């Protein structure tokens, strides 16, 4: 049984007490102490540099620990809060991107999740309205190592803490993100509870984490738009990086919003598409009445098996017009074709994942954000795996030429991330040209 450990730590010469390899995965105690406190399934962990709360009421000129992250494995991580206060449940995942925390905050695919940034220093560029990827922040909370005390970017309009507070998003810092990341890599994604409420005990928060699950929950209906709308914005001129972008709108694309990112729409528009964005629940018959040249199934959060209505919509559209699936759209296409999806151990989250294009042999560095994947062994004959993730060999792209279908498990629009995969939008354009 795990223990509630309260012994002192030496600053030098000791292994990380919260690492997955630590015998008790908490603070070191003597065997005598272990026998006395072997009563709770709680493991207290904290960063060596964190200031812990004291029983004294003396004011300090620095912020002290006032928040906890309690994971379902029994570990308790003391931290300092910023942004909103309260108590929040979520699945903890780690993101390895070095830049673009604001785009990550506004990516709807993180709904229901706490995002832990492995890059230790966050907040130094502040936030600005131009980098928003959706209409709001959908993630459950943000976990970081160091919070910048100042901003130094000419585009900054607001500090990160104020931005999160206004949007009612919780954040914590001064926590050992490296140790938590190692734990997630070993044990897989974990359900956690963030809390600044002192009235809630560790045991209560632990019970909350163990009685909630993100699997089987329909998350896309909470992030999708409520009514169709037209999208016209292209990539801003200062950010353009392709010479083959087109000014004229040659193709009409209906984009299903399962949690779509704005930059997907900007890139499609820059490639010469008139775009109608529609809710995730719009029937296929209504879409086909618009006589689109192509249909995009967007990225989105959660378990594709939890949204059978979306799978049914995809089934009724494929084969009638060219389609392009991205992330959640890729998984829904896999299921609609008769394949199966599965939950990965800790998923792919970051802007630096290598993917091999099996058609041309090229390697793309990609931006990814997903916890589920398509099992290629379950797909019917005729469906081609076009891309594989070089970190774990998982399916990263599909094509079915007979149905004018293509999909990617990652983000060709990046934001944040490299632009290696942007030509995928051109391939979708080619599918629509061939159909015409």
Protein backbone atom coordinates (compact mmCIF):
# COMPACT_ATOMS: atom_id res chain seq x y z
CA UNK A 1 0.00 0.00 0.00
CA UNK A 2 1.20 3.51 -0.70
CA UNK A 3 2.10 5.80 2.21
CA UNK A 4 1.63 9.32 3.47
CA UNK A 5 5.26 10.33 3.73
CA UNK A 6 6.37 13.39 5.71
CA UNK A 7 10.15 13.06 6.20
CA UNK A 8 12.78 15.70 5.36
CA UNK A 9 14.64 15.73 2.04
CA UNK A 10 18.29 16.36 1.44
CA UNK A 11 18.96 18.88 -1.34
CA UNK A 12 21.99 17.01 -2.65
CA UNK A 13 22.84 13.45 -3.55
CA UNK A 14 19.34 11.98 -3.50
CA UNK A 15 17.32 10.68 -6.47
CA UNK A 16 14.11 12.46 -7.35
CA UNK A 17 11.69 11.25 -4.65
CA UNK A 18 8.70 11.66 -6.96
CA UNK A 19 10.17 9.78 -9.90
CA UNK A 20 8.49 6.59 -11.09
CA UNK A 21 11.61 4.65 -10.04
CA UNK A 22 11.50 5.85 -6.44
CA UNK A 23 10.68 2.96 -4.03
CA UNK A 24 7.76 4.86 -2.47
CA UNK A 25 7.32 7.55 -5.17
CA UNK A 26 7.05 10.22 -2.47
CA UNK A 27 9.30 11.75 0.19
CA UNK A 28 11.82 9.40 1.80
CA UNK A 29 11.00 8.02 5.22
CA UNK A 30 12.66 5.52 7.50
CA UNK A 31 11.27 2.01 7.75
CA UNK A 32 10.10 2.85 11.26
CA UNK A 33 8.11 5.82 9.99
CA UNK A 34 6.67 3.76 7.15
CA UNK A 35 5.15 1.29 9.60
CA UNK A 36 3.49 4.11 11.53
CA UNK A 37 1.95 5.95 8.59
CA UNK A 38 0.96 3.03 6.33
CA UNK A 39 -2.70 4.04 6.54
CA UNK A 40 -3.58 6.12 3.47
CA UNK A 41 -3.33 5.51 -0.24
CA UNK A 42 -1.81 9.01 -0.63
CA UNK A 43 1.67 9.93 -1.80
CA UNK A 44 2.77 13.51 -1.22
CA UNK A 45 5.05 14.90 -3.90
CA UNK A 46 6.39 18.40 -4.40
CA UNK A 47 9.10 20.25 -6.28
CA UNK A 48 12.29 20.79 -4.29
CA UNK A 49 12.20 24.48 -5.15
CA UNK A 50 8.55 24.96 -4.17
CA UNK A 51 7.63 26.89 -1.07
CA UNK A 52 5.31 24.76 1.03
CA UNK A 53 2.55 26.17 3.17
CA UNK A 54 3.33 26.58 6.84
CA UNK A 55 1.08 26.48 9.87
CA UNK A 56 2.21 30.00 10.76
CA UNK A 57 0.11 32.95 9.60
CA UNK A 58 3.10 35.25 9.00
CA UNK A 59 2.82 36.97 5.61
CA UNK A 60 5.58 36.25 3.12
CA UNK A 61 6.76 38.49 0.26
CA UNK A 62 6.45 35.53 -2.12
CA UNK A 63 3.56 33.24 -3.09
CA UNK A 64 3.33 29.99 -1.18
CA UNK A 65 1.82 26.69 -2.28
CA UNK A 66 -1.94 27.06 -2.35
CA UNK A 67 -3.03 24.34 -4.80
CA UNK A 68 -2.90 20.58 -5.21
CA UNK A 69 -2.91 18.21 -8.14
CA UNK A 70 -4.19 14.83 -6.97
CA UNK A 71 -3.76 11.95 -9.42
CA UNK A 72 -5.73 8.73 -9.44
CA UNK A 73 -2.56 6.76 -8.64
CA UNK A 74 -2.62 8.36 -5.16
CA UNK A 75 0.09 10.98 -5.65
CA UNK A 76 -0.50 14.51 -4.37
CA UNK A 77 1.50 17.38 -5.89
CA UNK A 78 1.59 20.70 -4.08
CA UNK A 79 1.79 23.75 -6.34
CA UNK A 80 1.04 27.44 -6.68
CA UNK A 81 -2.07 28.59 -8.47
CA UNK A 82 -2.68 31.14 -11.20
CA UNK A 83 -5.69 31.86 -13.33
CA UNK A 84 -9.00 30.66 -11.89
CA UNK A 85 -9.55 29.05 -8.49
CA UNK A 86 -11.76 26.17 -7.37
CA UNK A 87 -11.75 22.42 -8.07
CA UNK A 88 -11.62 20.81 -11.50
CA UNK A 89 -11.46 17.24 -12.87
CA UNK A 90 -9.55 16.24 -15.99
CA UNK A 91 -7.31 13.74 -17.74
CA UNK A 92 -3.64 14.70 -17.44
CA UNK A 93 -1.62 14.65 -20.69
CA UNK A 94 1.77 16.14 -21.49
CA UNK A 95 2.63 18.31 -24.49
CA UNK A 96 6.21 18.51 -25.78
CA UNK A 97 5.82 21.68 -27.89
CA UNK A 98 8.48 24.33 -27.29
CA UNK A 99 6.29 27.23 -28.41
CA UNK A 100 2.64 28.10 -29.00
CA UNK A 101 1.08 27.67 -25.58
CA UNK A 102 -1.77 30.02 -26.52
CA UNK A 103 -2.69 27.95 -29.57
CA UNK A 104 -2.62 24.89 -27.31
CA UNK A 105 -4.88 26.59 -24.76
CA UNK A 106 -7.47 27.34 -27.45
CA UNK A 107 -7.33 23.97 -29.22
CA UNK A 108 -10.77 22.39 -28.62
CA UNK A 109 -9.22 18.91 -28.84
CA UNK A 110 -8.00 19.39 -25.25
CA UNK A 111 -11.53 19.53 -23.81
CA UNK A 112 -11.68 17.53 -20.59
CA UNK A 113 -7.89 17.46 -20.17
CA UNK A 114 -5.19 19.07 -18.05
CA UNK A 115 -2.31 19.98 -20.34
CA UNK A 116 1.13 19.63 -18.77
CA UNK A 117 3.81 21.51 -20.70
CA UNK A 118 7.21 19.79 -20.71
CA UNK A 119 8.87 23.05 -21.75
CA UNK A 120 9.60 24.46 -18.28
CA UNK A 121 9.24 28.21 -18.90
CA UNK A 122 5.73 29.36 -19.90
CA UNK A 123 4.13 32.79 -20.15
CA UNK A 124 7.09 34.88 -21.31
CA UNK A 125 5.35 36.05 -24.51
CA UNK A 126 1.98 36.69 -22.89
CA UNK A 127 -1.14 36.30 -25.02
CA UNK A 128 -2.81 38.11 -27.90
CA UNK A 129 -6.11 37.75 -29.75
CA UNK A 130 -4.45 36.98 -33.10
CA UNK A 131 -3.18 33.58 -31.95
CA UNK A 132 -6.54 32.18 -30.84
CA UNK A 133 -7.41 28.82 -32.45
CA UNK A 134 -11.07 28.81 -31.38
CA UNK A 135 -13.65 31.01 -29.71
CA UNK A 136 -12.60 30.04 -26.16
CA UNK A 137 -10.38 27.84 -24.00
CA UNK A 138 -11.85 24.34 -23.72
CA UNK A 139 -9.13 22.57 -21.71
CA UNK A 140 -9.69 21.73 -18.04
CA UNK A 141 -6.45 23.25 -16.76
CA UNK A 142 -2.77 24.07 -17.36
CA UNK A 143 0.19 22.55 -15.47
CA UNK A 144 3.63 24.17 -15.84
CA UNK A 145 7.01 24.29 -14.10
CA UNK A 146 7.86 27.99 -14.16
CA UNK A 147 5.49 30.91 -14.71
CA UNK A 148 7.17 33.94 -16.25
CA UNK A 149 6.88 37.02 -14.04
CA UNK A 150 7.08 39.34 -17.04
CA UNK A 151 6.21 39.40 -20.75
CA UNK A 152 8.52 40.46 -23.56
CA UNK A 153 6.73 40.36 -26.90
CA UNK A 154 5.52 43.32 -28.96
CA UNK A 155 2.29 41.46 -29.82
CA UNK A 156 1.41 40.80 -26.17
CA UNK A 157 -1.84 42.34 -24.94
CA UNK A 158 -2.27 40.48 -21.64
CA UNK A 159 -0.34 38.29 -19.16
CA UNK A 160 -1.13 34.58 -19.19
CA UNK A 161 -2.51 34.52 -15.64
CA UNK A 162 -5.04 37.29 -16.31
CA UNK A 163 -6.05 35.61 -19.57
CA UNK A 164 -6.83 32.30 -17.81
CA UNK A 165 -8.62 34.01 -14.92
CA UNK A 166 -10.97 35.81 -17.32
CA UNK A 167 -11.79 32.49 -19.01
CA UNK A 168 -12.22 30.58 -15.75
CA UNK A 169 -9.33 28.20 -16.50
CA UNK A 170 -7.21 26.88 -13.64
CA UNK A 171 -3.42 26.81 -13.80
CA UNK A 172 -0.68 25.65 -11.44
CA UNK A 173 3.09 26.17 -11.41
CA UNK A 174 6.13 25.32 -9.29
CA UNK A 175 5.36 21.64 -9.71
CA UNK A 176 7.81 18.96 -10.87
CA UNK A 177 6.49 18.52 -14.42
CA UNK A 178 9.41 16.27 -15.36
CA UNK A 179 8.50 13.75 -12.65
CA UNK A 180 4.80 13.80 -13.60
CA UNK A 181 5.68 13.34 -17.28
CA UNK A 182 7.81 10.30 -16.47
CA UNK A 183 4.92 8.90 -14.46
CA UNK A 184 2.49 9.41 -17.34
CA UNK A 185 4.90 7.72 -19.75
CA UNK A 186 5.19 4.73 -17.42
CA UNK A 187 1.57 4.40 -16.26
CA UNK A 188 -0.32 6.14 -19.07
CA UNK A 189 -2.64 9.13 -18.96
CA UNK A 190 -4.13 9.60 -15.49
CA UNK A 191 -7.27 11.28 -14.21
CA UNK A 192 -6.48 14.12 -11.85
CA UNK A 193 -8.12 16.81 -9.75
CA UNK A 194 -6.85 20.38 -9.46
CA UNK A 195 -7.98 22.24 -6.38
CA UNK A 196 -7.30 25.44 -4.48
CA UNK A 197 -10.00 24.68 -1.91
CA UNK A 198 -8.49 24.00 1.51
CA UNK A 199 -11.76 22.57 2.79
CA UNK A 200 -11.38 19.52 0.54
CA UNK A 201 -9.14 16.78 1.91
CA UNK A 202 -6.66 14.80 -0.17
CA UNK A 203 -8.82 11.74 0.33
CA UNK A 204 -11.89 13.50 -1.07
CA UNK A 205 -9.98 14.71 -4.12
CA UNK A 206 -8.52 11.25 -4.67
CA UNK A 207 -11.99 9.72 -4.55
CA UNK A 208 -13.16 12.26 -7.15
CA UNK A 209 -10.33 11.28 -9.49
CA UNK A 210 -11.15 7.59 -9.17
CA UNK A 211 -14.87 7.93 -9.82
CA UNK A 212 -14.63 9.87 -13.10
CA UNK A 213 -13.56 8.66 -16.53
CA UNK A 214 -13.11 10.44 -19.84
CA UNK A 215 -13.55 7.26 -21.92
CA UNK A 216 -16.97 6.98 -23.53
CA UNK A 217 -17.87 10.64 -22.99
CA UNK A 218 -19.20 12.70 -25.91
CA UNK A 219 -16.97 15.77 -25.84
CA UNK A 220 -17.41 17.04 -29.40
CA UNK A 221 -20.99 18.22 -28.88
CA UNK A 222 -19.73 20.67 -26.25
CA UNK A 223 -17.12 22.27 -28.51
CA UNK A 224 -18.92 22.30 -31.87
CA UNK A 225 -20.63 25.37 -33.29
CA UNK A 226 -24.42 25.54 -32.85
CA UNK A 227 -25.36 26.70 -36.36
CA UNK A 228 -23.75 26.77 -39.83
CA UNK A 229 -21.65 29.79 -40.79
CA UNK A 230 -19.42 30.92 -43.63
CA UNK A 231 -15.65 31.23 -43.16
CA UNK A 232 -13.71 33.62 -45.36
CA UNK A 233 -10.44 34.55 -43.61
CA UNK A 234 -7.22 33.41 -45.24
CA UNK A 235 -3.74 33.15 -43.77
CA UNK A 236 -2.56 36.66 -42.87
CA UNK A 237 -0.06 38.06 -45.37
CA UNK A 238 2.66 38.35 -42.72
CA UNK A 239 2.41 34.59 -42.05
CA UNK A 240 2.14 33.31 -45.63
CA UNK A 241 4.75 30.73 -46.54
CA UNK A 242 3.40 29.10 -49.73
CA UNK A 243 3.63 30.47 -53.28
CA UNK A 244 0.83 28.29 -54.66
CA UNK A 245 -1.97 29.79 -52.56
CA UNK A 246 -4.97 30.87 -54.60
CA UNK A 247 -7.07 34.01 -54.41
CA UNK A 248 -10.14 32.73 -56.24
CA UNK A 249 -12.67 30.46 -54.50
CA UNK A 250 -12.86 27.49 -56.87
CA UNK A 251 -14.22 24.88 -54.49
CA UNK A 252 -17.01 24.77 -51.93
CA UNK A 253 -16.04 22.74 -48.85
CA UNK A 254 -18.37 21.84 -46.00
CA UNK A 255 -16.35 21.54 -42.79
CA UNK A 256 -17.82 19.51 -39.94
CA UNK A 257 -16.92 21.19 -36.67
CA UNK A 258 -15.96 18.49 -34.20
CA UNK A 259 -13.71 21.06 -32.48
CA UNK A 260 -12.13 22.65 -35.54
CA UNK A 261 -9.09 24.92 -35.30
CA UNK A 262 -9.18 28.26 -37.05
CA UNK A 263 -5.90 27.66 -38.83
CA UNK A 264 -7.37 24.63 -40.66
CA UNK A 265 -10.00 26.97 -42.05
CA UNK A 266 -7.42 29.63 -42.91
CA UNK A 267 -5.27 27.16 -44.81
CA UNK A 268 -8.23 25.73 -46.74
CA UNK A 269 -9.33 29.25 -47.62
CA UNK A 270 -5.81 30.12 -48.74
CA UNK A 271 -5.88 27.13 -51.08
CA UNK A 272 -8.93 28.53 -52.86
CA UNK A 273 -11.89 27.12 -50.95
CA UNK A 274 -15.20 28.69 -50.00
CA UNK A 275 -15.99 27.14 -46.62
CA UNK A 276 -19.26 26.46 -44.82
CA UNK A 277 -18.69 25.31 -41.24
CA UNK A 278 -21.49 23.13 -39.86
CA UNK A 279 -22.31 21.62 -36.43
CA UNK A 280 -21.29 18.07 -35.59
CA UNK A 281 -24.95 17.00 -35.53
CA UNK A 282 -25.90 18.24 -39.02
CA UNK A 283 -27.41 15.28 -40.94
CA UNK A 284 -25.54 14.08 -44.00
CA UNK A 285 -28.61 14.74 -46.13
CA UNK A 286 -28.47 18.45 -45.30
CA UNK A 287 -24.79 18.56 -46.18
CA UNK A 288 -25.29 16.84 -49.52
CA UNK A 289 -28.10 19.28 -50.38
CA UNK A 290 -25.45 22.02 -50.43
CA UNK A 291 -23.73 20.14 -53.29
CA UNK A 292 -20.22 20.68 -51.90
CA UNK A 293 -17.10 19.88 -53.89
CA UNK A 294 -15.65 18.26 -50.79
CA UNK A 295 -16.26 17.64 -47.08
CA UNK A 296 -13.76 18.10 -44.25
CA UNK A 297 -14.12 16.17 -41.00
CA UNK A 298 -12.19 18.16 -38.41
CA UNK A 299 -10.16 17.47 -35.32
CA UNK A 300 -11.92 17.20 -31.97
CA UNK A 301 -11.66 15.92 -28.41
CA UNK A 302 -12.24 12.57 -26.78
CA UNK A 303 -13.27 9.08 -27.74
CA UNK A 304 -14.53 8.53 -31.32
CA UNK A 305 -16.51 5.51 -30.11
CA UNK A 306 -18.57 7.85 -27.90
CA UNK A 307 -20.09 9.67 -30.89
CA UNK A 308 -21.88 7.05 -33.04
CA UNK A 309 -24.04 9.76 -34.60
CA UNK A 310 -20.90 11.33 -36.10
CA UNK A 311 -19.73 7.95 -37.42
CA UNK A 312 -23.12 7.48 -39.07
CA UNK A 313 -22.88 10.90 -40.72
CA UNK A 314 -19.45 10.06 -42.09
CA UNK A 315 -20.74 6.73 -43.45
CA UNK A 316 -23.50 8.49 -45.36
CA UNK A 317 -21.13 11.01 -46.95
CA UNK A 318 -18.09 8.97 -47.98
CA UNK A 319 -18.17 7.77 -51.55
CA UNK A 320 -20.45 10.63 -52.65
CA UNK A 321 -17.96 13.53 -52.52
CA UNK A 322 -14.19 13.78 -51.81
CA UNK A 323 -13.51 13.86 -48.07
CA UNK A 324 -10.57 14.81 -45.87
CA UNK A 325 -10.34 13.78 -42.21
CA UNK A 326 -7.99 15.35 -39.66
CA UNK A 327 -7.36 13.80 -36.22
CA UNK A 328 -10.86 13.03 -34.87
CA UNK A 329 -12.03 13.11 -38.49
CA UNK A 330 -9.39 10.50 -39.33
CA UNK A 331 -10.61 8.24 -36.51
CA UNK A 332 -14.26 8.65 -37.49
CA UNK A 333 -13.36 7.74 -41.08
CA UNK A 334 -11.57 4.64 -39.80
CA UNK A 335 -14.69 3.54 -37.91
CA UNK A 336 -17.02 4.44 -40.79
CA UNK A 337 -14.97 2.20 -43.08
CA UNK A 338 -15.43 -0.71 -40.67
CA UNK A 339 -12.20 -0.35 -38.70
CA UNK A 340 -11.69 -0.01 -34.97
CA UNK A 341 -10.04 2.64 -32.80
CA UNK A 342 -8.26 2.19 -29.48
CA UNK A 343 -7.04 4.39 -26.63
CA UNK A 344 -3.30 4.92 -26.62
CA UNK A 345 -1.21 4.73 -23.46
CA UNK A 346 -0.48 8.45 -23.27
CA UNK A 347 -1.25 9.68 -26.76
CA UNK A 348 0.65 12.10 -28.98
CA UNK A 349 0.73 15.76 -27.97
CA UNK A 350 3.36 18.11 -29.34
CA UNK A 351 4.83 19.89 -32.34
CA UNK A 352 7.77 17.60 -33.00
CA UNK A 353 6.48 14.12 -33.95
CA UNK A 354 8.21 12.42 -36.92
CA UNK A 355 5.91 10.83 -39.50
CA UNK A 356 6.91 8.88 -42.62
CA UNK A 357 4.93 9.39 -45.79
CA UNK A 358 4.89 5.85 -47.21
CA UNK A 359 4.02 7.05 -50.68
CA UNK A 360 7.14 9.15 -51.26
CA UNK A 361 9.40 8.03 -48.41
CA UNK A 362 9.71 11.55 -46.98
CA UNK A 363 9.72 12.23 -43.25
CA UNK A 364 7.58 15.07 -41.93
CA UNK A 365 7.92 16.66 -38.51
CA UNK A 366 4.32 17.07 -37.43
CA UNK A 367 2.06 18.68 -34.83
CA UNK A 368 -0.12 16.11 -33.06
CA UNK A 369 -2.80 16.03 -30.40
CA UNK A 370 -4.75 12.81 -29.90
CA UNK A 371 -5.24 9.99 -27.40
CA UNK A 372 -6.86 7.51 -29.80
CA UNK A 373 -5.64 5.77 -32.95
CA UNK A 374 -7.00 3.63 -35.78
CA UNK A 375 -6.04 -0.06 -35.81
CA UNK A 376 -4.98 -0.65 -39.45
CA UNK A 377 -5.39 -4.43 -39.08
CA UNK A 378 -9.15 -3.95 -38.79
CA UNK A 379 -9.56 -1.91 -41.97
CA UNK A 380 -11.14 -3.47 -45.09
CA UNK A 381 -9.31 -4.28 -48.30
CA UNK A 382 -8.65 -1.26 -50.47
CA UNK A 383 -7.88 1.13 -47.60
CA UNK A 384 -4.24 2.21 -47.74
CA UNK A 385 -2.12 3.30 -44.78
CA UNK A 386 -0.27 6.31 -46.18
CA UNK A 387 1.60 7.58 -43.11
CA UNK A 388 3.04 6.03 -39.96
CA UNK A 389 4.27 7.64 -36.76
CA UNK A 390 8.00 6.88 -36.45
CA UNK A 391 7.95 7.01 -32.64
CA UNK A 392 5.62 4.04 -32.19
CA UNK A 393 4.61 2.82 -35.67
CA UNK A 394 0.96 3.79 -35.24
CA UNK A 395 -1.26 4.64 -38.21
CA UNK A 396 -0.95 8.34 -39.07
CA UNK A 397 -2.75 8.55 -42.41
CA UNK A 398 -5.22 6.73 -44.64
CA UNK A 399 -6.39 6.82 -48.26
CA UNK A 400 -9.16 5.04 -50.15
CA UNK A 401 -8.87 6.12 -53.80
CA UNK A 402 -12.08 4.35 -54.81
CA UNK A 403 -14.02 6.61 -52.45
CA UNK A 404 -11.90 9.76 -53.00
CA UNK A 405 -10.96 9.68 -49.33
CA UNK A 406 -7.87 10.82 -47.43
CA UNK A 407 -7.09 11.42 -43.77
CA UNK A 408 -4.28 12.33 -41.38
CA UNK A 409 -3.98 11.59 -37.68
CA UNK A 410 -2.08 14.84 -37.11
CA UNK A 411 -2.39 18.56 -37.87
CA UNK A 412 -1.23 19.64 -41.35
CA UNK A 413 -2.05 23.25 -40.43
CA UNK A 414 0.33 23.03 -37.42
CA UNK A 415 -0.26 26.14 -35.26
CA UNK A 416 1.86 25.60 -33.34
CA UNK A 417 4.34 23.42 -35.14
CA UNK A 418 6.24 22.97 -38.42
CA UNK A 419 4.70 23.37 -41.88
CA UNK A 420 6.04 20.10 -43.33
CA UNK A 421 2.55 18.65 -43.78
CA UNK A 422 0.84 21.66 -45.34
CA UNK A 423 0.89 20.08 -48.84
CA UNK A 424 -1.89 17.75 -47.62
CA UNK A 425 -4.32 20.59 -48.30
CA UNK A 426 -3.09 20.62 -51.90
CA UNK A 427 -3.76 16.88 -52.12
CA UNK A 428 -7.34 17.49 -51.00
CA UNK A 429 -7.66 20.14 -53.69
CA UNK A 430 -6.43 17.58 -56.23
CA UNK A 431 -9.08 15.08 -55.10
CA UNK A 432 -11.78 17.69 -55.69
CA UNK A 433 -10.30 18.63 -59.10
CA UNK A 434 -10.36 14.98 -60.17
CA UNK A 435 -13.98 14.65 -59.04
CA UNK A 436 -14.96 17.70 -61.09
